[in-house]
PDB file of N, CA and C in Angstrom:
ATOM      1  N   GLY A   1      11.180   9.143 -18.176  1.00  0.00           N
ATOM      2  CA  GLY A   1      10.480   8.835 -16.924  1.00  0.00           C
ATOM      3  C   GLY A   1      10.517  10.012 -15.995  1.00  0.00           C
ATOM      4  N   GLY A   2       9.868   9.844 -14.872  1.00  0.00           N
ATOM      5  CA  GLY A   2       9.838  10.864 -13.887  1.00  0.00           C
ATOM      6  C   GLY A   2       8.579  10.812 -13.041  1.00  0.00           C
ATOM      7  N   ALA A   3       8.409  11.829 -12.224  1.00  0.00           N
ATOM      8  CA  ALA A   3       7.252  11.881 -11.336  1.00  0.00           C
ATOM      9  C   ALA A   3       6.718  13.324 -11.310  1.00  0.00           C
ATOM     10  N   ILE A   4       5.420  13.436 -11.429  1.00  0.00           N
ATOM     11  CA  ILE A   4       4.734  14.701 -11.249  1.00  0.00           C
ATOM     12  C   ILE A   4       3.945  14.577  -9.971  1.00  0.00           C
ATOM     13  N   VAL A   5       4.097  15.558  -9.085  1.00  0.00           N
ATOM     14  CA  VAL A   5       3.320  15.562  -7.836  1.00  0.00           C
ATOM     15  C   VAL A   5       2.604  16.905  -7.747  1.00  0.00           C
ATOM     16  N   ASN A   6       1.306  16.867  -7.905  1.00  0.00           N
ATOM     17  CA  ASN A   6       0.485  18.060  -7.755  1.00  0.00           C
ATOM     18  C   ASN A   6       0.081  18.255  -6.308  1.00  0.00           C
ATOM     19  N   VAL A   7      -0.169  19.467  -5.930  1.00  0.00           N
ATOM     20  CA  VAL A   7      -0.685  19.766  -4.611  1.00  0.00           C
ATOM     21  C   VAL A   7      -2.126  20.174  -4.745  1.00  0.00           C
ATOM     22  N   GLY A   8      -3.039  19.285  -4.382  1.00  0.00           N
ATOM     23  CA  GLY A   8      -4.455  19.552  -4.422  1.00  0.00           C
ATOM     24  C   GLY A   8      -4.900  20.094  -3.073  1.00  0.00           C
ATOM     25  N   SER A   9      -6.025  19.631  -2.578  1.00  0.00           N
ATOM     26  CA  SER A   9      -6.550  20.078  -1.317  1.00  0.00           C
ATOM     27  C   SER A   9      -7.636  19.164  -0.823  1.00  0.00           C
ATOM     28  N   ALA A  10      -7.729  19.032   0.477  1.00  0.00           N
ATOM     29  CA  ALA A  10      -8.872  18.294   1.058  1.00  0.00           C
ATOM     30  C   ALA A  10     -10.169  18.967   0.666  1.00  0.00           C
ATOM     31  N   ALA A  11     -10.127  20.251   0.383  1.00  0.00           N
ATOM     32  CA  ALA A  11     -11.332  21.001  -0.014  1.00  0.00           C
ATOM     33  C   ALA A  11     -11.859  20.563  -1.384  1.00  0.00           C
ATOM     34  N   GLY A  12     -11.043  19.884  -2.157  1.00  0.00           N
ATOM     35  CA  GLY A  12     -11.513  19.332  -3.411  1.00  0.00           C
ATOM     36  C   GLY A  12     -12.295  18.056  -3.235  1.00  0.00           C
ATOM     37  N   VAL A  13     -12.294  17.508  -1.995  1.00  0.00           N
ATOM     38  CA  VAL A  13     -12.999  16.284  -1.677  1.00  0.00           C
ATOM     39  C   VAL A  13     -14.139  16.605  -0.696  1.00  0.00           C
ATOM     40  N   ARG A  14     -13.789  17.323   0.354  1.00  0.00           N
ATOM     41  CA  ARG A  14     -14.785  17.762   1.383  1.00  0.00           C
ATOM     42  C   ARG A  14     -15.043  19.228   1.114  1.00  0.00           C
ATOM     43  N   VAL A  15     -16.060  19.532   0.352  1.00  0.00           N
ATOM     44  CA  VAL A  15     -16.239  20.898  -0.132  1.00  0.00           C
ATOM     45  C   VAL A  15     -16.500  21.893   0.982  1.00  0.00           C
ATOM     46  N   VAL A  16     -16.074  23.129   0.708  1.00  0.00           N
ATOM     47  CA  VAL A  16     -16.246  24.251   1.626  1.00  0.00           C
ATOM     48  C   VAL A  16     -17.141  25.259   0.914  1.00  0.00           C
ATOM     49  N   GLY A  17     -18.279  25.538   1.446  1.00  0.00           N
ATOM     50  CA  GLY A  17     -19.271  26.406   0.795  1.00  0.00           C
ATOM     51  C   GLY A  17     -18.836  27.821   0.581  1.00  0.00           C
ATOM     52  N   GLU A  18     -17.928  28.316   1.389  1.00  0.00           N
ATOM     53  CA  GLU A  18     -17.512  29.718   1.287  1.00  0.00           C
ATOM     54  C   GLU A  18     -16.471  29.950   0.186  1.00  0.00           C
ATOM     55  N   MET A  19     -15.948  28.892  -0.450  1.00  0.00           N
ATOM     56  CA  MET A  19     -14.891  29.034  -1.422  1.00  0.00           C
ATOM     57  C   MET A  19     -15.152  28.205  -2.687  1.00  0.00           C
ATOM     58  N   PRO A  20     -16.251  28.479  -3.402  1.00  0.00           N
ATOM     59  CA  PRO A  20     -16.601  27.610  -4.526  1.00  0.00           C
ATOM     60  C   PRO A  20     -15.526  27.568  -5.636  1.00  0.00           C
ATOM     61  N   ALA A  21     -14.910  28.700  -5.933  1.00  0.00           N
ATOM     62  CA  ALA A  21     -13.898  28.695  -7.006  1.00  0.00           C
ATOM     63  C   ALA A  21     -12.681  27.882  -6.612  1.00  0.00           C
ATOM     64  N   TYR A  22     -12.260  27.999  -5.364  1.00  0.00           N
ATOM     65  CA  TYR A  22     -11.114  27.237  -4.853  1.00  0.00           C
ATOM     66  C   TYR A  22     -11.438  25.737  -4.891  1.00  0.00           C
ATOM     67  N   VAL A  23     -12.590  25.363  -4.416  1.00  0.00           N
ATOM     68  CA  VAL A  23     -13.031  23.967  -4.409  1.00  0.00           C
ATOM     69  C   VAL A  23     -13.051  23.416  -5.831  1.00  0.00           C
ATOM     70  N   ALA A  24     -13.612  24.156  -6.768  1.00  0.00           N
ATOM     71  CA  ALA A  24     -13.695  23.698  -8.145  1.00  0.00           C
ATOM     72  C   ALA A  24     -12.305  23.553  -8.745  1.00  0.00           C
ATOM     73  N   SER A  25     -11.408  24.497  -8.474  1.00  0.00           N
ATOM     74  CA  SER A  25     -10.076  24.409  -9.048  1.00  0.00           C
ATOM     75  C   SER A  25      -9.324  23.185  -8.492  1.00  0.00           C
ATOM     76  N   LYS A  26      -9.487  22.887  -7.236  1.00  0.00           N
ATOM     77  CA  LYS A  26      -8.786  21.728  -6.652  1.00  0.00           C
ATOM     78  C   LYS A  26      -9.405  20.430  -7.135  1.00  0.00           C
ATOM     79  N   ALA A  27     -10.712  20.355  -7.233  1.00  0.00           N
ATOM     80  CA  ALA A  27     -11.364  19.136  -7.787  1.00  0.00           C
ATOM     81  C   ALA A  27     -10.901  18.910  -9.236  1.00  0.00           C
ATOM     82  N   GLY A  28     -10.785  19.997  -9.994  1.00  0.00           N
ATOM     83  CA  GLY A  28     -10.262  19.882 -11.347  1.00  0.00           C
ATOM     84  C   GLY A  28      -8.838  19.390 -11.397  1.00  0.00           C
ATOM     85  N   LEU A  29      -8.031  19.877 -10.478  1.00  0.00           N
ATOM     86  CA  LEU A  29      -6.620  19.411 -10.400  1.00  0.00           C
ATOM     87  C   LEU A  29      -6.568  17.932 -10.052  1.00  0.00           C
ATOM     88  N   HIS A  30      -7.444  17.466  -9.218  1.00  0.00           N
ATOM     89  CA  HIS A  30      -7.504  16.051  -8.869  1.00  0.00           C
ATOM     90  C   HIS A  30      -7.822  15.194 -10.102  1.00  0.00           C
ATOM     91  N   ALA A  31      -8.799  15.635 -10.871  1.00  0.00           N
ATOM     92  CA  ALA A  31      -9.146  14.919 -12.112  1.00  0.00           C
ATOM     93  C   ALA A  31      -8.012  15.001 -13.138  1.00  0.00           C
ATOM     94  N   LEU A  32      -7.376  16.134 -13.262  1.00  0.00           N
ATOM     95  CA  LEU A  32      -6.237  16.269 -14.160  1.00  0.00           C
ATOM     96  C   LEU A  32      -5.107  15.323 -13.753  1.00  0.00           C
ATOM     97  N   THR A  33      -4.839  15.216 -12.474  1.00  0.00           N
ATOM     98  CA  THR A  33      -3.790  14.321 -11.987  1.00  0.00           C
ATOM     99  C   THR A  33      -4.039  12.885 -12.438  1.00  0.00           C
ATOM    100  N   ARG A  34      -5.249  12.422 -12.244  1.00  0.00           N
ATOM    101  CA  ARG A  34      -5.581  11.056 -12.619  1.00  0.00           C
ATOM    102  C   ARG A  34      -5.584  10.858 -14.133  1.00  0.00           C
ATOM    103  N   SER A  35      -6.033  11.845 -14.867  1.00  0.00           N
ATOM    104  CA  SER A  35      -6.041  11.779 -16.326  1.00  0.00           C
ATOM    105  C   SER A  35      -4.599  11.724 -16.868  1.00  0.00           C
ATOM    106  N   VAL A  36      -3.715  12.544 -16.348  1.00  0.00           N
ATOM    107  CA  VAL A  36      -2.335  12.560 -16.790  1.00  0.00           C
ATOM    108  C   VAL A  36      -1.671  11.231 -16.450  1.00  0.00           C
ATOM    109  N   ALA A  37      -1.976  10.666 -15.289  1.00  0.00           N
ATOM    110  CA  ALA A  37      -1.404   9.354 -14.912  1.00  0.00           C
ATOM    111  C   ALA A  37      -1.843   8.306 -15.913  1.00  0.00           C
ATOM    112  N   LEU A  38      -3.090   8.304 -16.276  1.00  0.00           N
ATOM    113  CA  LEU A  38      -3.616   7.328 -17.240  1.00  0.00           C
ATOM    114  C   LEU A  38      -2.996   7.543 -18.639  1.00  0.00           C
ATOM    115  N   TYR A  39      -2.931   8.770 -19.071  1.00  0.00           N
ATOM    116  CA  TYR A  39      -2.322   9.095 -20.346  1.00  0.00           C
ATOM    117  C   TYR A  39      -0.875   8.632 -20.398  1.00  0.00           C
ATOM    118  N   CYS A  40      -0.079   8.997 -19.399  1.00  0.00           N
ATOM    119  CA  CYS A  40       1.338   8.636 -19.378  1.00  0.00           C
ATOM    120  C   CYS A  40       1.527   7.123 -19.331  1.00  0.00           C
ATOM    121  N   GLY A  41       0.683   6.457 -18.565  1.00  0.00           N
ATOM    122  CA  GLY A  41       0.778   4.992 -18.485  1.00  0.00           C
ATOM    123  C   GLY A  41       0.457   4.343 -19.813  1.00  0.00           C
ATOM    124  N   ARG A  42      -0.611   4.754 -20.429  1.00  0.00           N
ATOM    125  CA  ARG A  42      -1.018   4.165 -21.716  1.00  0.00           C
ATOM    126  C   ARG A  42      -0.022   4.452 -22.844  1.00  0.00           C
ATOM    127  N   LYS A  43       0.659   5.579 -22.769  1.00  0.00           N
ATOM    128  CA  LYS A  43       1.660   5.926 -23.787  1.00  0.00           C
ATOM    129  C   LYS A  43       3.018   5.343 -23.474  1.00  0.00           C
ATOM    130  N   GLY A  44       3.149   4.696 -22.297  1.00  0.00           N
ATOM    131  CA  GLY A  44       4.447   4.080 -21.937  1.00  0.00           C
ATOM    132  C   GLY A  44       5.524   5.109 -21.676  1.00  0.00           C
ATOM    133  N   LEU A  45       5.177   6.253 -21.185  1.00  0.00           N
ATOM    134  CA  LEU A  45       6.139   7.325 -20.956  1.00  0.00           C
ATOM    135  C   LEU A  45       7.002   7.172 -19.701  1.00  0.00           C
ATOM    136  N   GLY A  46       6.585   6.270 -18.809  1.00  0.00           N
ATOM    137  CA  GLY A  46       7.358   6.087 -17.583  1.00  0.00           C
ATOM    138  C   GLY A  46       7.241   7.241 -16.619  1.00  0.00           C
ATOM    139  N   VAL A  47       6.190   8.036 -16.770  1.00  0.00           N
ATOM    140  CA  VAL A  47       5.949   9.180 -15.894  1.00  0.00           C
ATOM    141  C   VAL A  47       4.773   8.863 -14.991  1.00  0.00           C
ATOM    142  N   ARG A  48       4.993   8.996 -13.668  1.00  0.00           N
ATOM    143  CA  ARG A  48       3.927   8.812 -12.703  1.00  0.00           C
ATOM    144  C   ARG A  48       3.351  10.184 -12.355  1.00  0.00           C
ATOM    145  N   CYS A  49       2.063  10.235 -12.082  1.00  0.00           N
ATOM    146  CA  CYS A  49       1.454  11.504 -11.705  1.00  0.00           C
ATOM    147  C   CYS A  49       0.501  11.257 -10.538  1.00  0.00           C
ATOM    148  N   ASN A  50       0.756  11.946  -9.439  1.00  0.00           N
ATOM    149  CA  ASN A  50      -0.029  11.795  -8.204  1.00  0.00           C
ATOM    150  C   ASN A  50      -0.301  13.185  -7.627  1.00  0.00           C
ATOM    151  N   ALA A  51      -1.144  13.228  -6.653  1.00  0.00           N
ATOM    152  CA  ALA A  51      -1.403  14.500  -5.963  1.00  0.00           C
ATOM    153  C   ALA A  51      -1.471  14.255  -4.449  1.00  0.00           C
ATOM    154  N   VAL A  52      -1.028  15.248  -3.715  1.00  0.00           N
ATOM    155  CA  VAL A  52      -1.120  15.306  -2.263  1.00  0.00           C
ATOM    156  C   VAL A  52      -2.251  16.230  -1.944  1.00  0.00           C
ATOM    157  N   LEU A  53      -3.126  15.849  -1.038  1.00  0.00           N
ATOM    158  CA  LEU A  53      -4.290  16.638  -0.671  1.00  0.00           C
ATOM    159  C   LEU A  53      -4.189  17.068   0.792  1.00  0.00           C
ATOM    160  N   PRO A  54      -3.588  18.217   1.041  1.00  0.00           N
ATOM    161  CA  PRO A  54      -3.444  18.676   2.432  1.00  0.00           C
ATOM    162  C   PRO A  54      -4.796  19.111   3.035  1.00  0.00           C
ATOM    163  N   GLY A  55      -4.851  18.942   4.333  1.00  0.00           N
ATOM    164  CA  GLY A  55      -5.927  19.570   5.123  1.00  0.00           C
ATOM    165  C   GLY A  55      -5.418  20.936   5.521  1.00  0.00           C
ATOM    166  N   SER A  56      -5.861  21.441   6.640  1.00  0.00           N
ATOM    167  CA  SER A  56      -5.398  22.738   7.120  1.00  0.00           C
ATOM    168  C   SER A  56      -3.949  22.593   7.580  1.00  0.00           C
ATOM    169  N   VAL A  57      -3.106  23.513   7.122  1.00  0.00           N
ATOM    170  CA  VAL A  57      -1.671  23.472   7.409  1.00  0.00           C
ATOM    171  C   VAL A  57      -1.270  24.848   7.935  1.00  0.00           C
ATOM    172  N   GLU A  58      -0.379  24.836   8.920  1.00  0.00           N
ATOM    173  CA  GLU A  58       0.103  26.105   9.493  1.00  0.00           C
ATOM    174  C   GLU A  58       1.020  26.804   8.484  1.00  0.00           C
ATOM    175  N   THR A  59       0.472  27.848   7.843  1.00  0.00           N
ATOM    176  CA  THR A  59       1.227  28.664   6.913  1.00  0.00           C
ATOM    177  C   THR A  59       0.921  30.128   7.240  1.00  0.00           C
ATOM    178  N   PRO A  60       1.765  31.053   6.774  1.00  0.00           N
ATOM    179  CA  PRO A  60       1.477  32.456   6.981  1.00  0.00           C
ATOM    180  C   PRO A  60       0.131  32.888   6.388  1.00  0.00           C
ATOM    181  N   MET A  61      -0.250  32.324   5.250  1.00  0.00           N
ATOM    182  CA  MET A  61      -1.531  32.678   4.643  1.00  0.00           C
ATOM    183  C   MET A  61      -2.694  32.234   5.546  1.00  0.00           C
ATOM    184  N   VAL A  62      -2.623  31.039   6.100  1.00  0.00           N
ATOM    185  CA  VAL A  62      -3.693  30.559   6.982  1.00  0.00           C
ATOM    186  C   VAL A  62      -3.743  31.391   8.244  1.00  0.00           C
ATOM    187  N   GLU A  63      -2.589  31.776   8.743  1.00  0.00           N
ATOM    188  CA  GLU A  63      -2.558  32.611   9.959  1.00  0.00           C
ATOM    189  C   GLU A  63      -3.182  33.983   9.683  1.00  0.00           C
ATOM    190  N   ARG A  64      -2.955  34.538   8.514  1.00  0.00           N
ATOM    191  CA  ARG A  64      -3.599  35.837   8.149  1.00  0.00           C
ATOM    192  C   ARG A  64      -5.100  35.680   8.095  1.00  0.00           C
ATOM    193  N   LEU A  65      -5.570  34.553   7.532  1.00  0.00           N
ATOM    194  CA  LEU A  65      -7.022  34.338   7.477  1.00  0.00           C
ATOM    195  C   LEU A  65      -7.595  34.222   8.877  1.00  0.00           C
ATOM    196  N   ARG A  66      -6.908  33.570   9.776  1.00  0.00           N
ATOM    197  CA  ARG A  66      -7.376  33.434  11.162  1.00  0.00           C
ATOM    198  C   ARG A  66      -7.414  34.787  11.854  1.00  0.00           C
ATOM    199  N   THR A  67      -6.363  35.564  11.652  1.00  0.00           N
ATOM    200  CA  THR A  67      -6.293  36.879  12.274  1.00  0.00           C
ATOM    201  C   THR A  67      -7.449  37.752  11.826  1.00  0.00           C
ATOM    202  N   GLY A  68      -7.855  37.603  10.564  1.00  0.00           N
ATOM    203  CA  GLY A  68      -8.945  38.354  10.003  1.00  0.00           C
ATOM    204  C   GLY A  68     -10.304  38.027  10.624  1.00  0.00           C
ATOM    205  N   THR A  69     -10.403  36.923  11.348  1.00  0.00           N
ATOM    206  CA  THR A  69     -11.664  36.563  11.985  1.00  0.00           C
ATOM    207  C   THR A  69     -11.910  37.343  13.252  1.00  0.00           C
ATOM    208  N   GLY A  70     -10.884  38.011  13.761  1.00  0.00           N
ATOM    209  CA  GLY A  70     -11.016  38.773  15.004  1.00  0.00           C
ATOM    210  C   GLY A  70     -10.620  37.988  16.239  1.00  0.00           C
ATOM    211  N   ASP A  71     -10.610  36.688  16.150  1.00  0.00           N
ATOM    212  CA  ASP A  71     -10.205  35.820  17.265  1.00  0.00           C
ATOM    213  C   ASP A  71      -9.373  34.670  16.714  1.00  0.00           C
ATOM    214  N   ALA A  72      -8.077  34.940  16.492  1.00  0.00           N
ATOM    215  CA  ALA A  72      -7.223  33.944  15.849  1.00  0.00           C
ATOM    216  C   ALA A  72      -7.115  32.665  16.663  1.00  0.00           C
ATOM    217  N   ALA A  73      -7.081  32.810  18.005  1.00  0.00           N
ATOM    218  CA  ALA A  73      -6.969  31.605  18.851  1.00  0.00           C
ATOM    219  C   ALA A  73      -8.191  30.703  18.705  1.00  0.00           C
ATOM    220  N   ALA A  74      -9.372  31.273  18.660  1.00  0.00           N
ATOM    221  CA  ALA A  74     -10.599  30.480  18.494  1.00  0.00           C
ATOM    222  C   ALA A  74     -10.614  29.849  17.100  1.00  0.00           C
ATOM    223  N   ALA A  75     -10.178  30.590  16.081  1.00  0.00           N
ATOM    224  CA  ALA A  75     -10.145  30.039  14.732  1.00  0.00           C
ATOM    225  C   ALA A  75      -9.144  28.886  14.646  1.00  0.00           C
ATOM    226  N   ARG A  76      -8.012  29.023  15.327  1.00  0.00           N
ATOM    227  CA  ARG A  76      -6.998  27.947  15.347  1.00  0.00           C
ATOM    228  C   ARG A  76      -7.544  26.713  16.037  1.00  0.00           C
ATOM    229  N   ALA A  77      -8.254  26.881  17.129  1.00  0.00           N
ATOM    230  CA  ALA A  77      -8.854  25.751  17.859  1.00  0.00           C
ATOM    231  C   ALA A  77      -9.943  25.083  17.035  1.00  0.00           C
ATOM    232  N   ARG A  78     -10.719  25.895  16.350  1.00  0.00           N
ATOM    233  CA  ARG A  78     -11.783  25.320  15.483  1.00  0.00           C
ATOM    234  C   ARG A  78     -11.167  24.477  14.366  1.00  0.00           C
ATOM    235  N   ALA A  79     -10.114  25.006  13.735  1.00  0.00           N
ATOM    236  CA  ALA A  79      -9.455  24.269  12.639  1.00  0.00           C
ATOM    237  C   ALA A  79      -8.913  22.943  13.166  1.00  0.00           C
ATOM    238  N   ALA A  80      -8.297  22.956  14.332  1.00  0.00           N
ATOM    239  CA  ALA A  80      -7.767  21.706  14.898  1.00  0.00           C
ATOM    240  C   ALA A  80      -8.880  20.722  15.189  1.00  0.00           C
ATOM    241  N   SER A  81     -10.014  21.221  15.652  1.00  0.00           N
ATOM    242  CA  SER A  81     -11.147  20.319  16.014  1.00  0.00           C
ATOM    243  C   SER A  81     -11.777  19.657  14.795  1.00  0.00           C
ATOM    244  N   LEU A  82     -11.614  20.225  13.605  1.00  0.00           N
ATOM    245  CA  LEU A  82     -12.155  19.642  12.405  1.00  0.00           C
ATOM    246  C   LEU A  82     -11.358  18.429  11.932  1.00  0.00           C
ATOM    247  N   HIS A  83     -10.114  18.322  12.389  1.00  0.00           N
ATOM    248  CA  HIS A  83      -9.238  17.206  12.023  1.00  0.00           C
ATOM    249  C   HIS A  83      -9.296  16.141  13.093  1.00  0.00           C
ATOM    250  N   PRO A  84      -9.771  14.941  12.776  1.00  0.00           N
ATOM    251  CA  PRO A  84      -9.865  13.879  13.786  1.00  0.00           C
ATOM    252  C   PRO A  84      -8.572  13.619  14.533  1.00  0.00           C
ATOM    253  N   ILE A  85      -7.432  13.899  13.931  1.00  0.00           N
ATOM    254  CA  ILE A  85      -6.152  13.681  14.607  1.00  0.00           C
ATOM    255  C   ILE A  85      -5.940  14.702  15.718  1.00  0.00           C
ATOM    256  N   GLY A  86      -6.687  15.822  15.684  1.00  0.00           N
ATOM    257  CA  GLY A  86      -6.691  16.782  16.783  1.00  0.00           C
ATOM    258  C   GLY A  86      -5.784  17.956  16.653  1.00  0.00           C
ATOM    259  N   PHE A  87      -5.116  18.088  15.526  1.00  0.00           N
ATOM    260  CA  PHE A  87      -4.236  19.264  15.310  1.00  0.00           C
ATOM    261  C   PHE A  87      -4.152  19.585  13.837  1.00  0.00           C
ATOM    262  N   VAL A  88      -3.638  20.768  13.548  1.00  0.00           N
ATOM    263  CA  VAL A  88      -3.420  21.232  12.188  1.00  0.00           C
ATOM    264  C   VAL A  88      -2.038  20.818  11.760  1.00  0.00           C
ATOM    265  N   GLY A  89      -1.873  20.506  10.470  1.00  0.00           N
ATOM    266  CA  GLY A  89      -0.593  20.003   9.976  1.00  0.00           C
ATOM    267  C   GLY A  89       0.472  21.072   9.878  1.00  0.00           C
ATOM    268  N   ALA A  90       1.685  20.592   9.642  1.00  0.00           N
ATOM    269  CA  ALA A  90       2.854  21.437   9.416  1.00  0.00           C
ATOM    270  C   ALA A  90       3.277  21.284   7.972  1.00  0.00           C
ATOM    271  N   THR A  91       3.982  22.271   7.455  1.00  0.00           N
ATOM    272  CA  THR A  91       4.429  22.211   6.074  1.00  0.00           C
ATOM    273  C   THR A  91       5.283  20.974   5.821  1.00  0.00           C
ATOM    274  N   GLU A  92       6.022  20.553   6.831  1.00  0.00           N
ATOM    275  CA  GLU A  92       6.875  19.358   6.697  1.00  0.00           C
ATOM    276  C   GLU A  92       6.052  18.105   6.434  1.00  0.00           C
ATOM    277  N   ASP A  93       4.825  18.034   6.965  1.00  0.00           N
ATOM    278  CA  ASP A  93       3.968  16.880   6.725  1.00  0.00           C
ATOM    279  C   ASP A  93       3.663  16.738   5.220  1.00  0.00           C
ATOM    280  N   ILE A  94       3.438  17.853   4.579  1.00  0.00           N
ATOM    281  CA  ILE A  94       3.130  17.842   3.152  1.00  0.00           C
ATOM    282  C   ILE A  94       4.408  17.577   2.355  1.00  0.00           C
ATOM    283  N   ALA A  95       5.499  18.238   2.719  1.00  0.00           N
ATOM    284  CA  ALA A  95       6.765  18.036   2.036  1.00  0.00           C
ATOM    285  C   ALA A  95       7.212  16.584   2.077  1.00  0.00           C
ATOM    286  N   ASP A  96       7.016  15.912   3.194  1.00  0.00           N
ATOM    287  CA  ASP A  96       7.400  14.505   3.313  1.00  0.00           C
ATOM    288  C   ASP A  96       6.633  13.636   2.341  1.00  0.00           C
ATOM    289  N   ALA A  97       5.317  13.907   2.180  1.00  0.00           N
ATOM    290  CA  ALA A  97       4.522  13.130   1.251  1.00  0.00           C
ATOM    291  C   ALA A  97       4.952  13.390  -0.195  1.00  0.00           C
ATOM    292  N   VAL A  98       5.232  14.650  -0.499  1.00  0.00           N
ATOM    293  CA  VAL A  98       5.710  14.986  -1.861  1.00  0.00           C
ATOM    294  C   VAL A  98       7.041  14.293  -2.137  1.00  0.00           C
ATOM    295  N   ALA A  99       7.939  14.341  -1.165  1.00  0.00           N
ATOM    296  CA  ALA A  99       9.249  13.689  -1.355  1.00  0.00           C
ATOM    297  C   ALA A  99       9.088  12.193  -1.592  1.00  0.00           C
ATOM    298  N   TRP A 100       8.223  11.551  -0.820  1.00  0.00           N
ATOM    299  CA  TRP A 100       7.988  10.111  -1.021  1.00  0.00           C
ATOM    300  C   TRP A 100       7.447   9.825  -2.404  1.00  0.00           C
ATOM    301  N   LEU A 101       6.434  10.566  -2.805  1.00  0.00           N
ATOM    302  CA  LEU A 101       5.833  10.351  -4.141  1.00  0.00           C
ATOM    303  C   LEU A 101       6.803  10.632  -5.279  1.00  0.00           C
ATOM    304  N   SER A 102       7.758  11.502  -5.026  1.00  0.00           N
ATOM    305  CA  SER A 102       8.759  11.864  -6.033  1.00  0.00           C
ATOM    306  C   SER A 102       9.840  10.817  -6.182  1.00  0.00           C
ATOM    307  N   GLY A 103      10.014  10.018  -5.160  1.00  0.00           N
ATOM    308  CA  GLY A 103      11.165   9.101  -5.136  1.00  0.00           C
ATOM    309  C   GLY A 103      10.870   7.707  -5.611  1.00  0.00           C
ATOM    310  N   PRO A 104      11.891   6.882  -5.642  1.00  0.00           N
ATOM    311  CA  PRO A 104      11.757   5.510  -6.159  1.00  0.00           C
ATOM    312  C   PRO A 104      10.910   4.601  -5.240  1.00  0.00           C
ATOM    313  N   GLN A 105      10.698   4.965  -3.988  1.00  0.00           N
ATOM    314  CA  GLN A 105       9.895   4.134  -3.103  1.00  0.00           C
ATOM    315  C   GLN A 105       8.429   4.084  -3.584  1.00  0.00           C
ATOM    316  N   ALA A 106       8.013   5.085  -4.343  1.00  0.00           N
ATOM    317  CA  ALA A 106       6.636   5.149  -4.823  1.00  0.00           C
ATOM    318  C   ALA A 106       6.554   4.756  -6.306  1.00  0.00           C
ATOM    319  N   ARG A 107       7.454   3.926  -6.767  1.00  0.00           N
ATOM    320  CA  ARG A 107       7.560   3.595  -8.197  1.00  0.00           C
ATOM    321  C   ARG A 107       6.290   2.924  -8.762  1.00  0.00           C
ATOM    322  N   PHE A 108       5.466   2.337  -7.895  1.00  0.00           N
ATOM    323  CA  PHE A 108       4.255   1.648  -8.317  1.00  0.00           C
ATOM    324  C   PHE A 108       3.002   2.439  -8.005  1.00  0.00           C
ATOM    325  N   VAL A 109       3.163   3.708  -7.685  1.00  0.00           N
ATOM    326  CA  VAL A 109       2.057   4.557  -7.324  1.00  0.00           C
ATOM    327  C   VAL A 109       1.851   5.614  -8.448  1.00  0.00           C
ATOM    328  N   THR A 110       0.685   5.572  -9.053  1.00  0.00           N
ATOM    329  CA  THR A 110       0.336   6.595 -10.052  1.00  0.00           C
ATOM    330  C   THR A 110      -1.175   6.768 -10.078  1.00  0.00           C
ATOM    331  N   GLY A 111      -1.592   7.996 -10.281  1.00  0.00           N
ATOM    332  CA  GLY A 111      -3.004   8.310 -10.275  1.00  0.00           C
ATOM    333  C   GLY A 111      -3.606   8.401  -8.894  1.00  0.00           C
ATOM    334  N   ALA A 112      -2.754   8.437  -7.879  1.00  0.00           N
ATOM    335  CA  ALA A 112      -3.242   8.447  -6.494  1.00  0.00           C
ATOM    336  C   ALA A 112      -3.466   9.866  -5.990  1.00  0.00           C
ATOM    337  N   LEU A 113      -4.517  10.015  -5.224  1.00  0.00           N
ATOM    338  CA  LEU A 113      -4.784  11.261  -4.501  1.00  0.00           C
ATOM    339  C   LEU A 113      -4.553  10.946  -3.044  1.00  0.00           C
ATOM    340  N   ILE A 114      -3.427  11.390  -2.512  1.00  0.00           N
ATOM    341  CA  ILE A 114      -2.974  11.024  -1.171  1.00  0.00           C
ATOM    342  C   ILE A 114      -3.442  12.091  -0.175  1.00  0.00           C
ATOM    343  N   SER A 115      -4.386  11.757   0.662  1.00  0.00           N
ATOM    344  CA  SER A 115      -4.843  12.707   1.697  1.00  0.00           C
ATOM    345  C   SER A 115      -3.833  12.771   2.819  1.00  0.00           C
ATOM    346  N   VAL A 116      -3.311  13.983   3.012  1.00  0.00           N
ATOM    347  CA  VAL A 116      -2.409  14.267   4.125  1.00  0.00           C
ATOM    348  C   VAL A 116      -3.133  15.368   4.912  1.00  0.00           C
ATOM    349  N   ASP A 117      -4.162  14.932   5.634  1.00  0.00           N
ATOM    350  CA  ASP A 117      -5.143  15.894   6.142  1.00  0.00           C
ATOM    351  C   ASP A 117      -5.609  15.656   7.555  1.00  0.00           C
ATOM    352  N   GLY A 118      -4.885  14.823   8.290  1.00  0.00           N
ATOM    353  CA  GLY A 118      -5.258  14.566   9.664  1.00  0.00           C
ATOM    354  C   GLY A 118      -6.660  13.983   9.825  1.00  0.00           C
ATOM    355  N   GLY A 119      -7.158  13.345   8.750  1.00  0.00           N
ATOM    356  CA  GLY A 119      -8.468  12.708   8.799  1.00  0.00           C
ATOM    357  C   GLY A 119      -9.611  13.626   8.422  1.00  0.00           C
ATOM    358  N   LEU A 120      -9.292  14.833   7.953  1.00  0.00           N
ATOM    359  CA  LEU A 120     -10.349  15.819   7.624  1.00  0.00           C
ATOM    360  C   LEU A 120     -11.407  15.277   6.636  1.00  0.00           C
ATOM    361  N   THR A 121     -10.949  14.486   5.676  1.00  0.00           N
ATOM    362  CA  THR A 121     -11.885  14.019   4.640  1.00  0.00           C
ATOM    363  C   THR A 121     -12.555  12.691   4.983  1.00  0.00           C
ATOM    364  N   LEU A 122     -12.386  12.242   6.187  1.00  0.00           N
ATOM    365  CA  LEU A 122     -13.042  10.953   6.566  1.00  0.00           C
ATOM    366  C   LEU A 122     -14.528  11.149   6.764  1.00  0.00           C
TER     367      LEU A 122
END
């Protein structure tokens, strides 16, 4: 038994035109997650497989991308405005979802794509 938790992306659901390869890779990961969950369930392996789909999250990589726009503050405000919750996520938001899916509290959850995206994909 066990739990597999993949990290997908909101971009695999709400596509971004400027990043077709990234979008395709995340959409593929989402399908792989569900396929593995079905396979493991049908084989009676006791392995759950789920994915967390983050929206924009404050990371050094995202900050570098914002800085590259020439106006990091405006890019930060724009990213926050895209999320109905009104702000960009923190790494802890994603880690908490992964921890939950990894633990016994999620024992009946498999094949799920859990959006942790501040409403970005609504």
